[in-house]
Amino acid sequence: MRIDYIGLSEVSGPLITLDHVSGVGYDEMCEITFSSGKRRTGRVIMLEGERAVVQVFEGTHGISLENVSTRFTGKPMSLPLSREILGRVFDGAGKPIDGLGAVCPQEVRNINGSAINPVARKYPRSCIYTGISAIDGMSTLIRGQKLPIFSGAGMRHNEVAAQIVKQAHVGGDDGNFAIVFAAMGVKNDTADFFRRDFEDAGALQRVVMFLNLASDPIIERILAPRCALTAAEYLAFELGFHVLVIMTDMTSYCEALREFSSSKGEIPSRKGYPSYLYSDLASLYERAGMIEGLPGSVTQVPVLTMPNDDITHPIPDLTGYITEGQIVLDRDMDQSKLYPPIAVLPSLSRLMKDGIGKGFTREDHPALSNQLFSSYAKVQEARALAGVIGEDELSDLDKKILEFGRIFEDKFVRQMPDENRTIDQTLEEGWGALAVLPPDELDRVDAVLLKKYYKQDSVPAMRGGM
């Protein structure tokens, strides 16, 4: 039998506090009913003896200490799931907002998920192609990996995320590939951009969208990634899909977490974020992976904007500890209209070596990637030297290195937002950029591959003005 608790002991921001409650569990859902009959939903976020603190989804506006009754449901928040969630759009709490009605569930799951047994984890192999050369060629996304995108405010990370959604696929049978997209704290025009872009590209039928707008209740910002990952786990481990989860913007999520922590009176840690920020992010990121004996996989690409472009800020810093690499967007490249503005040198995919090469992408892929990294690092040195003594005073080799850098950025990195390159096209663009360098400079490629793929007379023409 459920008990109605009349009145409240405290209202603070989005939180309400009830005293003398019993039999209530952490994360349990509740219904808050006004004397007028109007209802709101809440979630237990803290228990201290007989005191329960509840987050109210719709906010506490209009709530007083006497005019409400609270009934606890006895269960945590859950999400109805079935194959028909593909092509649907939900809010941050998992409620449909596309006008197509409620989901007829085959299963209902707790959005907090359950931990994957480390012994049952399958090592990530094979890659997911994004059609973006700077990612596929240099920081390849491996199935079951978590690979974040580090960006800055105002940069074109939304366009990059949208391009990945439209173009991403796995090798072989593409019928079992799906994307779960979660947007947190985005403006209306950004949400409209994503929906319209996916619809125009014909990609919406394989996408499950969770949209939390900046004007939506802030609690939904905490729930949106958990709903998205619950949907992804169902599609992957029940229906056998290879699922790519893209979550943007994790900075909005962390700021919502900081706000709730402050409301609860918790002692803040670095830059005001709660001390448990690391474990909270890990509870989301570690839901990626593959499980022995189960079909499908969950791969994550969380997008976060670094405050003040500071990669040592707590959010990117802690994210880097948990995830397996990062894709870094560069502001100077973005301001020079180079798209996608991916900074190759600080970008890294730690699992890349296990999902590329012969049997996965192409035999020359690992050596070519290493050579491009090595040669492009020398470009930065040559540019620094040219800034001191002038380009005309450089040696012939340094001038060729500078020319390689210009071709690499213009032909390999630069793409149109709707340009979907195959892995073969990506690798050929890489070899084309290396063609400007003499063979004895290509010390990361063995003689067999050099003879097969290196063509010194195939230097590509610059695009110029794009």
Protein backbone atom coordinates (compact mmCIF):
# COMPACT_ATOMS: atom_id res chain seq x y z
CA MET A 1 0.00 0.00 0.00
CA ARG A 2 1.36 3.40 -0.98
CA ILE A 3 1.31 6.28 1.51
CA ASP A 4 0.50 9.88 0.60
CA TYR A 5 2.77 12.30 2.47
CA ILE A 6 0.99 15.61 3.05
CA GLY A 7 3.05 18.80 2.98
CA LEU A 8 6.77 19.47 2.73
CA SER A 9 9.47 20.49 5.16
CA GLU A 10 11.55 22.55 2.71
CA VAL A 11 11.63 23.89 -0.87
CA SER A 12 15.02 24.87 -2.33
CA GLY A 13 15.47 25.60 -6.03
CA PRO A 14 14.39 22.50 -7.98
CA LEU A 15 14.42 20.39 -4.78
CA ILE A 16 11.80 19.57 -2.16
CA THR A 17 12.44 17.88 1.19
CA LEU A 18 10.11 15.56 3.09
CA ASP A 19 10.58 14.40 6.68
CA HIS A 20 9.36 11.25 8.43
CA VAL A 21 9.28 9.07 5.31
CA SER A 22 9.90 5.32 5.43
CA GLY A 23 10.41 2.51 2.93
CA VAL A 24 11.74 4.89 0.26
CA GLY A 25 14.77 4.05 -1.88
CA TYR A 26 17.40 6.17 -3.59
CA ASP A 27 16.47 7.09 -7.21
CA GLU A 28 12.84 6.15 -6.59
CA MET A 29 10.20 8.04 -8.56
CA CYS A 30 7.32 9.91 -6.97
CA GLU A 31 4.16 11.83 -7.92
CA ILE A 32 3.58 15.26 -6.44
CA THR A 33 -0.10 16.28 -6.47
CA PHE A 34 -1.37 19.83 -5.90
CA SER A 35 -4.63 20.55 -4.08
CA SER A 36 -6.00 21.57 -7.52
CA GLY A 37 -5.31 18.06 -8.85
CA LYS A 38 -2.33 19.10 -11.00
CA ARG A 39 0.57 16.64 -10.89
CA ARG A 40 4.33 16.77 -11.22
CA THR A 41 6.98 14.08 -11.20
CA GLY A 42 10.02 13.82 -8.98
CA ARG A 43 13.00 11.57 -8.23
CA VAL A 44 14.67 10.82 -4.90
CA ILE A 45 18.27 12.04 -5.01
CA MET A 46 19.26 11.91 -1.33
CA LEU A 47 18.21 10.05 1.80
CA GLU A 48 19.23 10.96 5.36
CA GLY A 49 17.47 8.76 7.88
CA GLU A 50 13.77 9.58 7.53
CA ARG A 51 14.45 12.64 5.37
CA ALA A 52 14.13 12.41 1.57
CA VAL A 53 15.28 15.06 -0.92
CA VAL A 54 13.43 14.99 -4.26
CA GLN A 55 14.24 16.60 -7.62
CA VAL A 56 11.07 17.92 -9.25
CA PHE A 57 11.08 17.48 -13.04
CA GLU A 58 8.92 20.47 -13.86
CA GLY A 59 10.47 22.73 -11.23
CA THR A 60 9.09 23.94 -7.90
CA HIS A 61 7.27 27.05 -9.14
CA GLY A 62 3.91 27.29 -7.38
CA ILE A 63 4.76 24.70 -4.73
CA SER A 64 4.28 25.69 -1.08
CA LEU A 65 4.92 23.68 2.07
CA GLU A 66 1.21 22.88 2.61
CA ASN A 67 -0.52 22.59 -0.79
CA VAL A 68 0.91 19.27 -2.07
CA SER A 69 0.86 15.55 -1.32
CA THR A 70 3.64 13.17 -2.38
CA ARG A 71 3.30 9.50 -3.26
CA PHE A 72 6.36 7.33 -3.92
CA THR A 73 6.01 4.73 -6.68
CA GLY A 74 8.41 2.13 -5.30
CA LYS A 75 10.51 1.93 -8.47
CA PRO A 76 13.20 3.97 -10.27
CA MET A 77 12.66 5.78 -13.54
CA SER A 78 12.27 3.38 -16.45
CA LEU A 79 12.06 3.65 -20.24
CA PRO A 80 9.63 1.73 -22.47
CA LEU A 81 11.52 0.02 -25.30
CA SER A 82 10.83 -1.78 -28.55
CA ARG A 83 12.14 -1.80 -32.10
CA GLU A 84 9.73 1.04 -32.94
CA ILE A 85 11.88 3.57 -31.06
CA LEU A 86 13.99 3.78 -34.24
CA GLY A 87 13.05 6.95 -36.11
CA ARG A 88 11.40 8.48 -33.04
CA VAL A 89 12.15 11.73 -31.18
CA PHE A 90 11.87 11.97 -27.38
CA ASP A 91 12.50 14.63 -24.77
CA GLY A 92 15.23 14.26 -22.17
CA ALA A 93 12.97 12.18 -19.91
CA GLY A 94 12.08 9.73 -22.68
CA LYS A 95 8.61 11.07 -23.52
CA PRO A 96 7.72 11.23 -27.27
CA ILE A 97 7.72 14.75 -28.75
CA ASP A 98 7.25 13.82 -32.41
CA GLY A 99 3.45 13.59 -32.28
CA LEU A 100 3.43 9.85 -33.02
CA GLY A 101 2.09 8.73 -29.66
CA ALA A 102 3.53 6.55 -26.93
CA VAL A 103 5.82 3.59 -27.59
CA CYS A 104 4.20 0.18 -27.31
CA PRO A 105 6.86 -1.49 -25.16
CA GLN A 106 8.31 -4.96 -25.54
CA GLU A 107 10.36 -4.26 -22.42
CA VAL A 108 10.68 -1.59 -19.73
CA ARG A 109 14.17 -0.90 -18.33
CA ASN A 110 15.66 1.09 -15.47
CA ILE A 111 17.49 4.01 -17.11
CA ASN A 112 20.47 3.63 -14.76
CA GLY A 113 21.40 0.38 -16.46
CA SER A 114 23.51 -2.31 -14.84
CA ALA A 115 27.28 -2.62 -14.75
CA ILE A 116 28.92 -4.81 -17.39
CA ASN A 117 30.90 -7.65 -15.84
CA PRO A 118 34.53 -6.85 -16.77
CA VAL A 119 35.20 -10.56 -17.39
CA ALA A 120 32.33 -10.65 -19.92
CA ARG A 121 33.61 -7.65 -21.87
CA LYS A 122 34.75 -8.41 -25.39
CA TYR A 123 37.80 -6.55 -26.67
CA PRO A 124 36.79 -3.90 -29.27
CA ARG A 125 37.68 -4.86 -32.84
CA SER A 126 36.79 -3.57 -36.30
CA CYS A 127 35.94 0.05 -36.98
CA ILE A 128 33.01 2.33 -37.62
CA TYR A 129 33.50 4.47 -40.71
CA THR A 130 32.47 8.12 -40.38
CA GLY A 131 33.35 9.23 -43.92
CA ILE A 132 35.62 11.93 -42.39
CA SER A 133 39.27 11.40 -43.37
CA ALA A 134 40.82 13.04 -40.32
CA ILE A 135 38.92 10.54 -38.14
CA ASP A 136 38.90 7.40 -40.30
CA GLY A 137 42.51 7.78 -41.38
CA MET A 138 44.22 9.21 -38.29
CA SER A 139 42.05 8.52 -35.19
CA THR A 140 39.87 5.63 -36.27
CA LEU A 141 36.70 4.97 -34.28
CA ILE A 142 36.63 1.32 -33.16
CA ARG A 143 33.40 -0.55 -32.51
CA GLY A 144 32.76 -0.67 -28.75
CA GLN A 145 35.04 2.31 -28.06
CA LYS A 146 34.34 5.62 -26.33
CA LEU A 147 35.97 8.44 -28.28
CA PRO A 148 35.01 12.01 -27.26
CA ILE A 149 35.15 15.16 -29.36
CA PHE A 150 36.76 18.12 -27.55
CA SER A 151 35.53 21.42 -28.96
CA GLY A 152 35.06 25.03 -27.91
CA ALA A 153 32.08 27.35 -27.66
CA GLY A 154 30.94 28.62 -31.06
CA MET A 155 32.91 26.08 -33.08
CA ARG A 156 31.40 23.70 -35.64
CA HIS A 157 31.11 20.62 -33.46
CA ASN A 158 27.37 20.38 -34.15
CA GLU A 159 28.06 20.13 -37.89
CA VAL A 160 30.71 17.47 -37.28
CA ALA A 161 28.33 15.50 -35.02
CA ALA A 162 25.55 15.76 -37.62
CA GLN A 163 27.89 14.62 -40.40
CA ILE A 164 28.91 11.58 -38.34
CA VAL A 165 25.25 10.70 -37.74
CA LYS A 166 24.45 10.91 -41.46
CA GLN A 167 27.52 9.07 -42.71
CA ALA A 168 28.52 6.56 -40.03
CA HIS A 169 28.36 2.88 -40.98
CA VAL A 170 30.02 -0.43 -40.27
CA GLY A 171 31.69 -2.57 -42.89
CA GLY A 172 29.60 -5.33 -44.47
CA ASP A 173 25.91 -5.58 -43.59
CA ASP A 174 24.68 -2.08 -42.71
CA GLY A 175 21.17 -3.26 -41.85
CA ASN A 176 22.09 -3.81 -38.21
CA PHE A 177 23.52 -0.35 -37.60
CA ALA A 178 21.68 2.31 -35.58
CA ILE A 179 22.44 5.66 -33.99
CA VAL A 180 21.21 7.05 -30.69
CA PHE A 181 21.56 10.83 -30.54
CA ALA A 182 21.20 12.79 -27.29
CA ALA A 183 21.33 16.60 -27.15
CA MET A 184 21.47 18.30 -23.76
CA GLY A 185 20.77 21.96 -23.08
CA VAL A 186 20.65 22.93 -26.76
CA LYS A 187 18.83 25.97 -28.13
CA ASN A 188 15.71 25.59 -30.25
CA ASP A 189 17.50 26.47 -33.49
CA THR A 190 20.18 23.84 -32.79
CA ALA A 191 17.55 21.18 -32.11
CA ASP A 192 15.74 22.17 -35.33
CA PHE A 193 19.05 21.95 -37.23
CA PHE A 194 19.63 18.37 -36.09
CA ARG A 195 16.08 17.19 -36.84
CA ARG A 196 15.93 18.89 -40.22
CA ASP A 197 19.42 17.74 -41.21
CA PHE A 198 18.71 14.11 -40.36
CA GLU A 199 15.35 14.18 -42.14
CA ASP A 200 16.77 15.79 -45.29
CA ALA A 201 19.56 13.20 -45.42
CA GLY A 202 17.10 10.32 -44.98
CA ALA A 203 18.96 9.18 -41.86
CA LEU A 204 16.19 9.69 -39.30
CA GLN A 205 14.73 6.18 -39.73
CA ARG A 206 17.86 4.65 -38.16
CA VAL A 207 18.23 7.31 -35.43
CA VAL A 208 16.69 7.51 -31.96
CA MET A 209 16.76 11.14 -30.79
CA PHE A 210 16.59 12.50 -27.23
CA LEU A 211 16.36 16.29 -27.19
CA ASN A 212 16.69 18.34 -24.02
CA LEU A 213 16.26 22.02 -24.84
CA ALA A 214 17.78 24.86 -22.85
CA SER A 215 14.23 25.85 -21.82
CA ASP A 216 13.35 22.33 -20.62
CA PRO A 217 13.54 21.30 -16.94
CA ILE A 218 17.17 21.03 -15.94
CA ILE A 219 16.63 17.59 -14.41
CA GLU A 220 16.04 16.25 -17.92
CA ARG A 221 19.65 17.19 -18.67
CA ILE A 222 20.70 14.58 -16.10
CA LEU A 223 18.28 11.98 -17.44
CA ALA A 224 18.83 12.42 -21.21
CA PRO A 225 22.17 10.54 -21.52
CA ARG A 226 20.88 7.74 -19.30
CA CYS A 227 17.74 7.35 -21.42
CA ALA A 228 19.88 7.37 -24.57
CA LEU A 229 22.26 4.72 -23.27
CA THR A 230 19.38 2.55 -22.07
CA ALA A 231 17.88 2.65 -25.57
CA ALA A 232 21.32 1.87 -27.05
CA GLU A 233 21.85 -1.13 -24.76
CA TYR A 234 18.44 -2.53 -25.69
CA LEU A 235 19.07 -2.14 -29.43
CA ALA A 236 22.56 -3.63 -29.12
CA PHE A 237 22.27 -6.48 -26.68
CA GLU A 238 18.65 -7.50 -27.28
CA LEU A 239 18.15 -6.79 -31.01
CA GLY A 240 21.74 -7.22 -32.20
CA PHE A 241 22.36 -3.72 -33.58
CA HIS A 242 25.76 -2.06 -33.69
CA VAL A 243 24.83 1.23 -32.03
CA LEU A 244 26.72 4.52 -32.17
CA VAL A 245 25.74 6.89 -29.34
CA ILE A 246 26.46 10.60 -29.87
CA MET A 247 25.90 12.86 -26.86
CA THR A 248 26.22 16.63 -27.06
CA ASP A 249 26.98 18.67 -25.04
CA MET A 250 28.46 16.88 -22.02
CA THR A 251 29.51 20.26 -20.61
CA SER A 252 25.81 21.16 -20.25
CA TYR A 253 25.27 17.87 -18.43
CA CYS A 254 28.15 18.55 -16.03
CA GLU A 255 26.93 22.09 -15.35
CA ALA A 256 23.48 20.72 -14.50
CA LEU A 257 25.18 18.26 -12.14
CA ARG A 258 27.06 21.14 -10.51
CA GLU A 259 23.82 23.09 -10.04
CA PHE A 260 22.09 20.16 -8.35
CA SER A 261 25.11 19.51 -6.15
CA SER A 262 25.07 23.14 -5.03
CA SER A 263 21.31 22.93 -4.34
CA LYS A 264 21.94 19.95 -2.06
CA GLY A 265 24.58 21.87 -0.14
CA GLU A 266 27.41 19.51 -1.04
CA ILE A 267 31.01 20.64 -0.64
CA PRO A 268 32.30 21.60 -4.10
CA SER A 269 35.52 20.36 -5.67
CA ARG A 270 37.49 21.81 -8.63
CA LYS A 271 35.76 24.86 -10.17
CA GLY A 272 32.61 24.16 -8.14
CA TYR A 273 31.91 20.72 -9.65
CA PRO A 274 30.96 17.92 -7.26
CA SER A 275 33.72 15.63 -6.03
CA TYR A 276 31.96 12.65 -7.61
CA LEU A 277 32.07 14.13 -11.14
CA TYR A 278 34.62 11.48 -12.21
CA SER A 279 32.53 8.52 -11.02
CA ASP A 280 29.35 10.07 -12.44
CA LEU A 281 30.91 10.47 -15.90
CA ALA A 282 32.37 6.97 -15.65
CA SER A 283 28.87 5.58 -14.95
CA LEU A 284 27.88 6.92 -18.40
CA TYR A 285 31.02 6.30 -20.45
CA GLU A 286 31.55 2.76 -19.18
CA ARG A 287 28.20 1.70 -20.63
CA ALA A 288 29.98 1.45 -23.99
CA GLY A 289 31.39 -1.87 -25.10
CA MET A 290 30.74 -5.37 -26.37
CA ILE A 291 29.70 -8.41 -24.31
CA GLU A 292 30.81 -11.99 -24.93
CA GLY A 293 27.97 -14.12 -26.21
CA LEU A 294 25.64 -11.20 -26.94
CA PRO A 295 25.08 -9.62 -30.36
CA GLY A 296 25.69 -5.97 -31.13
CA SER A 297 27.88 -3.27 -29.62
CA VAL A 298 27.60 0.19 -28.06
CA THR A 299 30.10 2.81 -29.24
CA GLN A 300 30.13 6.32 -27.76
CA VAL A 301 31.13 9.69 -29.21
CA PRO A 302 30.42 12.25 -26.46
CA VAL A 303 30.87 15.88 -27.55
CA LEU A 304 31.97 18.48 -25.03
CA THR A 305 32.82 22.17 -25.27
CA MET A 306 35.91 23.08 -23.25
CA PRO A 307 35.30 26.26 -21.20
CA ASN A 308 37.76 28.91 -22.45
CA ASP A 309 39.20 26.22 -24.78
CA ASP A 310 41.02 24.83 -21.72
CA ILE A 311 41.78 21.14 -22.21
CA THR A 312 42.88 20.93 -18.54
CA HIS A 313 39.40 21.97 -17.35
CA PRO A 314 37.84 19.29 -15.09
CA ILE A 315 35.33 18.12 -17.71
CA PRO A 316 37.75 17.30 -20.57
CA ASP A 317 40.42 16.32 -18.07
CA LEU A 318 38.29 13.68 -16.33
CA THR A 319 36.75 12.58 -19.63
CA GLY A 320 40.24 11.92 -20.98
CA TYR A 321 41.02 9.63 -18.05
CA ILE A 322 37.92 7.49 -18.68
CA THR A 323 37.77 7.35 -22.47
CA GLU A 324 40.14 5.86 -25.05
CA GLY A 325 41.43 8.97 -26.78
CA GLN A 326 39.92 12.18 -28.12
CA ILE A 327 39.18 14.12 -31.30
CA VAL A 328 40.26 17.74 -30.78
CA LEU A 329 38.78 20.63 -32.79
CA ASP A 330 41.06 23.62 -33.33
CA ARG A 331 39.81 27.21 -33.13
CA ASP A 332 42.40 28.63 -35.52
CA MET A 333 41.42 26.07 -38.16
CA ASP A 334 37.76 26.84 -37.55
CA GLN A 335 38.31 30.59 -37.94
CA SER A 336 40.24 30.02 -41.17
CA LYS A 337 37.12 28.24 -42.56
CA LEU A 338 38.85 24.85 -42.72
CA TYR A 339 36.17 22.19 -42.18
CA PRO A 340 36.21 19.91 -40.32
CA PRO A 341 38.55 21.80 -37.98
CA ILE A 342 40.13 18.63 -36.57
CA ALA A 343 43.59 19.13 -35.06
CA VAL A 344 45.35 15.95 -36.09
CA LEU A 345 48.35 15.98 -33.72
CA PRO A 346 46.54 16.20 -30.35
CA SER A 347 43.81 13.80 -31.55
CA LEU A 348 44.22 10.16 -30.64
CA SER A 349 42.38 6.84 -30.76
CA ARG A 350 44.05 4.41 -28.35
CA LEU A 351 42.22 1.38 -29.75
CA MET A 352 42.87 2.28 -33.38
CA LYS A 353 45.72 -0.22 -33.83
CA ASP A 354 43.39 -3.14 -33.03
CA GLY A 355 40.77 -2.35 -35.67
CA ILE A 356 42.72 -1.27 -38.76
CA GLY A 357 45.11 -2.84 -41.22
CA LYS A 358 44.86 -6.07 -43.16
CA GLY A 359 41.55 -7.82 -42.58
CA PHE A 360 39.90 -4.64 -41.27
CA THR A 361 40.59 -1.57 -43.43
CA ARG A 362 43.65 -1.92 -45.69
CA GLU A 363 47.16 -3.28 -45.21
CA ASP A 364 48.84 0.12 -45.56
CA HIS A 365 46.58 1.95 -43.11
CA PRO A 366 48.71 1.65 -39.91
CA ALA A 367 51.99 2.59 -41.59
CA LEU A 368 50.40 5.43 -43.58
CA SER A 369 48.79 6.88 -40.45
CA ASN A 370 52.09 6.77 -38.55
CA GLN A 371 53.89 8.45 -41.46
CA LEU A 372 51.29 11.21 -41.75
CA PHE A 373 51.57 11.92 -38.02
CA SER A 374 55.37 12.01 -38.22
CA SER A 375 55.52 14.21 -41.31
CA TYR A 376 52.85 16.62 -40.09
CA ALA A 377 54.73 17.06 -36.80
CA LYS A 378 57.72 18.26 -38.86
CA VAL A 379 55.41 20.77 -40.58
CA GLN A 380 54.86 22.54 -37.27
CA GLU A 381 58.62 22.76 -36.73
CA ALA A 382 59.19 24.10 -40.26
CA ARG A 383 56.46 26.71 -39.82
CA ALA A 384 58.02 27.87 -36.55
CA LEU A 385 61.39 28.17 -38.25
CA ALA A 386 59.88 30.03 -41.22
CA GLY A 387 58.34 32.48 -38.80
CA VAL A 388 61.82 33.37 -37.56
CA ILE A 389 64.00 33.39 -40.69
CA GLY A 390 61.39 33.61 -43.46
CA GLU A 391 60.25 30.87 -45.83
CA ASP A 392 62.72 31.89 -48.57
CA GLU A 393 65.66 31.05 -46.29
CA LEU A 394 64.48 27.51 -45.58
CA SER A 395 66.26 24.47 -47.00
CA ASP A 396 64.73 22.67 -49.97
CA LEU A 397 63.59 19.85 -47.68
CA ASP A 398 61.88 22.26 -45.26
CA LYS A 399 60.11 23.90 -48.21
CA LYS A 400 58.82 20.48 -49.30
CA ILE A 401 57.67 19.79 -45.76
CA LEU A 402 55.73 23.09 -45.76
CA GLU A 403 54.20 22.15 -49.12
CA PHE A 404 53.21 18.76 -47.70
CA GLY A 405 51.51 20.53 -44.77
CA ARG A 406 49.47 22.75 -47.10
CA ILE A 407 48.39 19.80 -49.27
CA PHE A 408 47.64 17.62 -46.24
CA GLU A 409 45.35 20.25 -44.71
CA ASP A 410 43.75 21.22 -48.02
CA LYS A 411 43.19 17.77 -49.51
CA PHE A 412 43.19 15.29 -46.62
CA VAL A 413 41.70 17.20 -43.68
CA ARG A 414 39.42 19.58 -45.59
CA GLN A 415 36.05 18.16 -46.64
CA MET A 416 32.61 19.43 -47.49
CA PRO A 417 29.97 18.85 -44.77
CA ASP A 418 28.17 16.41 -47.07
CA GLU A 419 31.31 14.70 -48.43
CA ASN A 420 31.33 11.02 -47.46
CA ARG A 421 34.72 9.47 -48.24
CA THR A 422 35.35 5.74 -48.36
CA ILE A 423 38.37 4.40 -46.50
CA ASP A 424 40.13 3.83 -49.83
CA GLN A 425 39.57 7.47 -50.81
CA THR A 426 40.91 8.59 -47.43
CA LEU A 427 44.06 6.49 -47.76
CA GLU A 428 44.66 7.64 -51.33
CA GLU A 429 44.39 11.28 -50.22
CA GLY A 430 47.03 10.51 -47.59
CA TRP A 431 49.40 8.96 -50.13
CA GLY A 432 48.76 11.89 -52.45
CA ALA A 433 49.89 14.34 -49.77
CA LEU A 434 53.03 12.29 -49.06
CA ALA A 435 53.93 12.30 -52.76
CA VAL A 436 55.49 15.77 -52.38
CA LEU A 437 58.13 14.37 -50.01
CA PRO A 438 61.21 12.41 -51.13
CA PRO A 439 61.13 8.65 -50.42
CA ASP A 440 63.96 8.79 -47.87
CA GLU A 441 61.77 11.05 -45.70
CA LEU A 442 59.11 8.32 -45.39
CA ASP A 443 60.81 6.38 -42.60
CA ARG A 444 57.59 4.93 -41.07
CA VAL A 445 56.65 2.90 -44.19
CA ASP A 446 58.43 -0.30 -45.18
CA ALA A 447 59.85 -0.83 -48.68
CA VAL A 448 57.06 -3.20 -49.80
CA LEU A 449 54.26 -0.73 -49.04
CA LEU A 450 56.31 2.16 -50.38
CA LYS A 451 56.77 0.43 -53.71
CA LYS A 452 53.06 -0.46 -53.93
CA TYR A 453 51.42 2.80 -52.88
CA TYR A 454 53.91 5.69 -53.11
CA LYS A 455 53.71 7.63 -56.39
CA GLN A 456 55.88 10.75 -56.35
CA ASP A 457 54.34 12.15 -59.54
CA SER A 458 50.82 12.13 -58.10
CA VAL A 459 50.92 15.38 -56.11
CA PRO A 460 47.31 16.63 -56.01
CA ALA A 461 46.32 20.10 -57.12
CA MET A 462 45.38 22.48 -54.34
CA ARG A 463 41.67 23.16 -53.97
CA GLY A 464 42.23 26.83 -53.26
CA GLY A 465 39.47 29.16 -52.10
CA MET A 466 37.25 26.44 -50.59
